Protein backbone atom coordinates (compact mmCIF):
# COMPACT_ATOMS: atom_id res chain seq x y z
CA MET A 1 7.56 26.54 0.06
CA THR A 2 6.56 22.98 -1.31
CA GLU A 3 5.95 20.88 1.53
CA HIS A 4 7.97 17.18 0.80
CA TYR A 5 5.94 13.84 0.88
CA SER A 6 7.91 10.56 1.81
CA ASP A 7 6.85 7.60 -0.41
CA GLU A 8 4.99 6.24 2.52
CA ASP A 9 2.39 9.18 2.72
CA LEU A 10 1.97 8.57 -1.14
CA PHE A 11 0.64 5.08 -0.20
CA PHE A 12 -1.52 6.14 2.49
CA LYS A 13 -2.68 9.05 0.25
CA PHE A 14 -3.27 6.30 -2.84
CA ILE A 15 -5.21 3.93 -0.17
CA SER A 16 -7.02 6.49 1.32
CA GLN A 17 -9.66 6.60 -1.88
CA PHE A 18 -11.15 3.01 -0.75
CA LYS A 19 -14.35 4.12 0.90
CA PHE A 20 -15.91 1.73 3.26
CA ASN A 21 -19.16 1.46 5.01
CA GLU A 22 -18.41 0.67 9.14
CA ASN A 23 -21.60 -0.94 9.79
CA ASN A 24 -21.16 -3.57 7.13
CA LEU A 25 -17.76 -4.52 8.46
CA ASP A 26 -17.98 -7.34 11.13
CA TYR A 27 -14.75 -6.64 13.00
CA SER A 28 -15.66 -9.81 15.09
CA VAL A 29 -13.93 -11.98 12.53
CA LEU A 30 -10.91 -10.50 13.00
CA ASP A 31 -10.93 -11.66 16.54
CA LYS A 32 -11.49 -14.73 15.51
CA HIS A 33 -8.78 -14.50 12.94
CA LYS A 34 -5.90 -13.63 15.59
CA ILE A 35 -6.43 -16.87 17.64
CA VAL A 36 -5.80 -18.72 14.62
CA LEU A 37 -2.76 -16.92 13.15
CA GLN A 38 -0.89 -16.77 16.30
CA THR A 39 -1.24 -20.48 15.99
CA MET A 40 -0.20 -20.56 12.59
CA SER A 41 2.63 -18.21 13.41
CA SER A 42 3.99 -20.07 16.49
CA ILE A 43 3.88 -23.38 14.38
CA GLY A 44 5.76 -21.98 11.27
CA ASN A 45 8.08 -19.79 13.03
CA SER A 46 6.87 -16.73 11.03
CA GLY A 47 5.92 -13.19 11.52
CA ILE A 48 2.29 -12.90 10.38
CA HIS A 49 0.29 -9.20 10.72
CA VAL A 50 -2.92 -8.01 9.35
CA PHE A 51 -3.16 -4.70 7.35
CA ASP A 52 -7.10 -3.07 7.57
CA LEU A 53 -7.60 -0.45 4.54
CA ASN A 54 -10.59 0.76 6.38
CA ARG A 55 -8.61 2.43 9.16
CA ARG A 56 -4.85 2.16 7.21
CA GLN A 57 -2.84 0.74 9.46
CA ILE A 58 -1.49 -2.92 10.91
CA VAL A 59 -4.30 -3.77 13.51
CA TYR A 60 -2.59 -7.19 14.27
CA PHE A 61 0.96 -8.88 14.69
CA SER A 62 1.88 -12.07 16.13
CA SER A 63 3.72 -11.80 19.50
CA ASN A 64 6.74 -13.81 17.65
CA PHE A 65 7.29 -11.71 15.39
CA GLY A 66 10.47 -10.25 15.70
CA LYS A 67 12.13 -13.70 16.80
CA LEU A 68 13.13 -14.07 13.45
CA LEU A 69 15.49 -11.02 13.96
CA GLY A 70 16.70 -11.76 17.63
CA TYR A 71 14.41 -9.18 18.67
CA LYS A 72 12.25 -9.59 21.83
CA PRO A 73 8.58 -8.51 22.36
CA SER A 74 10.13 -5.87 25.15
CA ASP A 75 12.22 -4.06 22.30
CA TYR A 76 8.63 -3.30 19.98
CA GLU A 77 6.16 -3.61 22.92
CA ALA A 78 5.70 0.14 22.81
CA SER A 79 6.05 1.41 19.33
CA GLY A 80 4.20 -1.93 17.96
CA HIS A 81 5.06 -2.48 13.77
CA GLN A 82 6.10 0.57 13.46
CA PHE A 83 9.74 -0.48 14.62
CA PHE A 84 10.04 -3.30 12.35
CA TYR A 85 9.09 -0.69 9.69
CA GLU A 86 12.09 1.49 11.05
CA LYS A 87 14.32 -1.82 10.71
CA ILE A 88 13.69 -2.35 6.65
CA HIS A 89 16.89 -1.41 4.78
CA PRO A 90 16.86 2.62 3.54
CA GLU A 91 16.99 1.95 0.12
CA ASP A 92 14.17 -1.34 0.02
CA ILE A 93 11.39 1.33 2.02
CA ALA A 94 10.21 3.50 -1.01
CA LYS A 95 10.29 0.69 -3.95
CA LEU A 96 8.05 -1.05 -1.20
CA ASN A 97 5.45 1.55 -0.90
CA ILE A 98 5.81 1.52 -5.01
CA TYR A 99 5.04 -1.94 -5.15
CA GLY A 100 2.14 -1.52 -2.41
CA VAL A 101 0.28 0.91 -4.81
CA SER A 102 0.85 -1.07 -7.93
CA VAL A 103 0.13 -4.49 -6.12
CA THR A 104 -2.92 -2.98 -4.00
CA LYS A 105 -4.20 -1.24 -7.84
CA ILE A 106 -4.15 -4.97 -9.22
CA PHE A 107 -5.94 -6.54 -6.64
CA ASN A 108 -8.49 -4.26 -6.40
CA ASN A 109 -9.29 -4.31 -10.16
CA PHE A 110 -9.12 -8.24 -9.71
CA SER A 111 -12.90 -10.22 -9.90
CA ILE A 112 -13.73 -11.56 -6.28
CA GLU A 113 -12.48 -14.78 -7.45
CA GLU A 114 -9.35 -13.89 -8.55
CA LYS A 115 -8.39 -11.49 -5.20
CA LEU A 116 -9.23 -14.60 -3.30
CA SER A 117 -6.72 -16.65 -5.41
CA HIS A 118 -3.06 -14.51 -5.83
CA LYS A 119 -0.75 -13.53 -3.30
CA SER A 120 2.33 -11.24 -3.70
CA ILE A 121 5.58 -12.27 -2.76
CA SER A 122 8.38 -10.12 -2.32
CA GLU A 123 11.66 -9.90 -0.94
CA TYR A 124 13.71 -6.86 0.85
CA ARG A 125 16.03 -6.52 3.64
CA MET A 126 15.46 -6.13 6.99
CA ILE A 127 18.34 -5.31 9.93
CA ASN A 128 18.68 -7.65 12.54
CA THR A 129 20.07 -7.70 16.42
CA GLN A 130 23.67 -8.24 15.04
CA GLY A 131 23.26 -5.05 13.15
CA LYS A 132 23.38 -7.47 10.01
CA TYR A 133 21.06 -6.70 7.11
CA VAL A 134 19.41 -10.03 6.01
CA ARG A 135 16.88 -10.31 3.41
CA LEU A 136 13.10 -11.88 4.27
CA ILE A 137 10.75 -12.83 2.49
CA GLU A 138 6.69 -11.18 2.76
CA GLN A 139 3.64 -13.08 1.01
CA TYR A 140 0.45 -10.90 1.09
CA GLN A 141 -3.09 -11.69 0.50
CA VAL A 142 -6.86 -11.03 1.00
CA LEU A 143 -7.77 -12.02 4.33
CA GLU A 144 -11.03 -10.39 4.02
CA LEU A 145 -13.47 -8.43 1.33
CA ASP A 146 -16.16 -6.01 2.31
CA LYS A 147 -19.81 -7.17 1.50
CA ALA A 148 -19.28 -4.77 -1.79
CA GLY A 149 -16.34 -7.09 -2.72
CA GLN A 150 -13.77 -4.37 -1.69
CA ILE A 151 -10.43 -5.44 -0.59
CA TRP A 152 -10.88 -4.73 3.84
CA LEU A 153 -8.25 -7.23 5.37
CA MET A 154 -4.98 -8.38 4.04
CA ILE A 155 -2.36 -10.23 5.99
CA GLY A 156 1.23 -10.83 5.70
CA ILE A 157 3.30 -13.31 6.39
CA VAL A 158 7.24 -12.66 6.72
CA ASP A 159 9.77 -15.35 6.67
CA LEU A 160 13.98 -15.58 6.32
CA SER A 161 14.76 -16.04 2.61
CA ALA A 162 16.44 -19.29 1.81
CA ASN A 163 18.63 -17.27 -0.37
CA GLN A 164 20.92 -14.91 1.54
CA GLU A 165 23.57 -14.17 -1.19
CA GLU A 166 24.42 -11.26 -2.50
CA TYR A 167 21.30 -9.01 -2.19
CA SER A 168 20.42 -8.10 -6.13
CA GLY A 169 17.25 -5.33 -5.02
CA ILE A 170 13.50 -6.13 -4.15
CA LYS A 171 11.70 -8.30 -6.05
CA THR A 172 8.54 -8.82 -6.11
CA GLN A 173 5.94 -11.05 -7.90
CA LEU A 174 2.39 -12.25 -8.30
CA LEU A 175 0.89 -15.65 -8.09
CA ASN A 176 -2.13 -17.52 -8.45
CA PHE A 177 -1.64 -20.35 -6.24
CA LYS A 178 -5.09 -22.21 -7.47
CA THR A 179 -3.00 -22.35 -11.29
CA GLY A 180 0.77 -21.84 -10.00
CA ASN A 181 0.94 -19.09 -12.24
CA ILE A 182 3.64 -16.40 -11.57
CA TYR A 183 3.86 -12.48 -12.77
CA PRO A 184 6.63 -10.51 -11.95
CA ILE A 185 5.96 -6.88 -11.14
CA GLU A 186 8.45 -5.02 -12.70
CA THR A 187 10.09 -2.13 -10.97
CA PRO A 188 7.09 1.00 -11.48
CA GLN A 189 9.33 4.52 -12.33
CA LYS A 190 6.24 6.45 -10.66
CA MET A 191 3.61 6.01 -8.67
CA GLU A 192 0.80 5.99 -10.95
CA PHE A 193 -2.69 7.04 -10.54
CA GLU A 194 -5.84 6.93 -12.75
CA LEU A 195 -6.58 9.91 -13.18
CA THR A 196 -8.35 11.13 -16.69
CA LYS A 197 -6.85 13.09 -19.36
CA ARG A 198 -9.50 15.81 -18.63
CA GLU A 199 -8.58 15.38 -14.69
CA ILE A 200 -4.78 15.48 -15.65
CA GLU A 201 -5.57 18.79 -17.85
CA VAL A 202 -7.90 20.47 -15.18
CA LEU A 203 -4.92 19.57 -12.50
CA ARG A 204 -2.28 21.24 -15.12
CA LEU A 205 -4.56 24.57 -14.84
CA VAL A 206 -4.69 24.82 -11.45
CA LYS A 207 -0.98 24.68 -11.18
CA ASP A 208 -0.66 27.35 -13.34
CA GLY A 209 -2.63 29.50 -11.02
CA LEU A 210 -6.01 29.31 -13.25
CA LEU A 211 -9.16 29.63 -11.09
CA SER A 212 -12.61 27.57 -11.71
CA LYS A 213 -14.22 29.94 -13.65
CA GLU A 214 -10.78 30.54 -15.93
CA ILE A 215 -10.56 27.13 -16.27
CA SER A 216 -14.01 26.86 -17.65
CA SER A 217 -13.52 29.84 -20.25
CA LYS A 218 -11.05 28.19 -21.18
CA LEU A 219 -11.67 24.54 -21.79
CA SER A 220 -14.96 25.60 -22.70
CA ILE A 221 -16.93 23.82 -20.26
CA SER A 222 -19.04 24.23 -17.41
CA LEU A 223 -18.09 25.76 -14.20
CA HIS A 224 -20.08 22.82 -12.75
CA THR A 225 -18.01 20.16 -15.08
CA VAL A 226 -14.70 21.73 -13.91
CA ASN A 227 -15.82 21.38 -9.99
CA THR A 228 -16.25 17.80 -10.38
CA HIS A 229 -12.97 17.58 -12.10
CA ARG A 230 -11.36 19.13 -9.30
CA GLN A 231 -12.83 16.82 -6.89
CA ARG A 232 -12.25 13.86 -8.15
CA PHE A 233 -8.60 13.77 -8.29
CA LEU A 234 -8.70 15.48 -4.53
CA GLU A 235 -10.02 11.90 -4.06
CA LYS A 236 -7.68 9.86 -6.31
CA LEU A 237 -4.96 11.40 -5.20
CA GLY A 238 -6.06 11.28 -1.37
CA ALA A 239 -5.36 15.02 -1.26
CA ASN A 240 -6.85 17.60 1.03
CA ASN A 241 -6.76 20.48 -1.61
CA SER A 242 -5.53 21.67 -4.59
CA PHE A 243 -1.98 22.24 -3.60
CA GLU A 244 -1.64 19.62 -2.07
CA ALA A 245 -3.00 17.22 -5.27
CA VAL A 246 -0.19 18.99 -7.46
CA THR A 247 2.64 18.53 -4.83
CA PHE A 248 1.82 14.73 -5.38
CA ALA A 249 0.78 15.07 -8.89
CA SER A 250 4.34 16.52 -9.55
CA LYS A 251 6.64 14.56 -7.93
CA TYR A 252 5.61 11.43 -9.38
CA GLY A 253 5.63 12.86 -12.82
CA LEU A 254 1.62 13.02 -13.66
CA LEU A 255 1.66 16.26 -14.96
CA GLY A 256 4.36 15.67 -17.74
């Protein structure tokens, strides 16, 4: 039986390809940021959180995060940020995860200077204590890079949108806050993973049930090359085995 993977699962599978050297990450900077961020959230009445790509989780959210929607800290102290994730409109969750992959890929391909001068801006719906969905606006940008210039910590700042008129769907755009240029991000039809043509070809044959030795013969390439391609598409898809890789790739149309 084919196992179902949610768009949230696929987002976390995607970012699992980011590899960090823990010895090069100074987590003391996070403690310093928390002090400043809590002050910022109190002054601006904004919800602020920090996402850690190394640990693949929210590692901080401001104590007033739920105030925008009428929630008290006691409402979410047990479940943490998961409480808020579950309050997002069901129609918006999948798109947010897909946009998350797109935005992360864009940032990852930027130069260091570009990574530090761009932010993504998204609008989506979340339910408040009155049971009504309200529109939020969230800005996401790099907080810290690792020593290799790879994205490490991302900061998200959430506010009520000034526009609470009839909702027309998720909106995401990329802003260069140094130049003022704004680039809309179109809704992706599928998650896109950067597999090479040969990796896709090998993955298709794996899906067809061929063993590495048979793939080697069929494509006239060495067994070592086949196994290298297999290892690479596992890493890129964040899959633990070939079955998972075929499942992820099939779901998102990568195999045609």
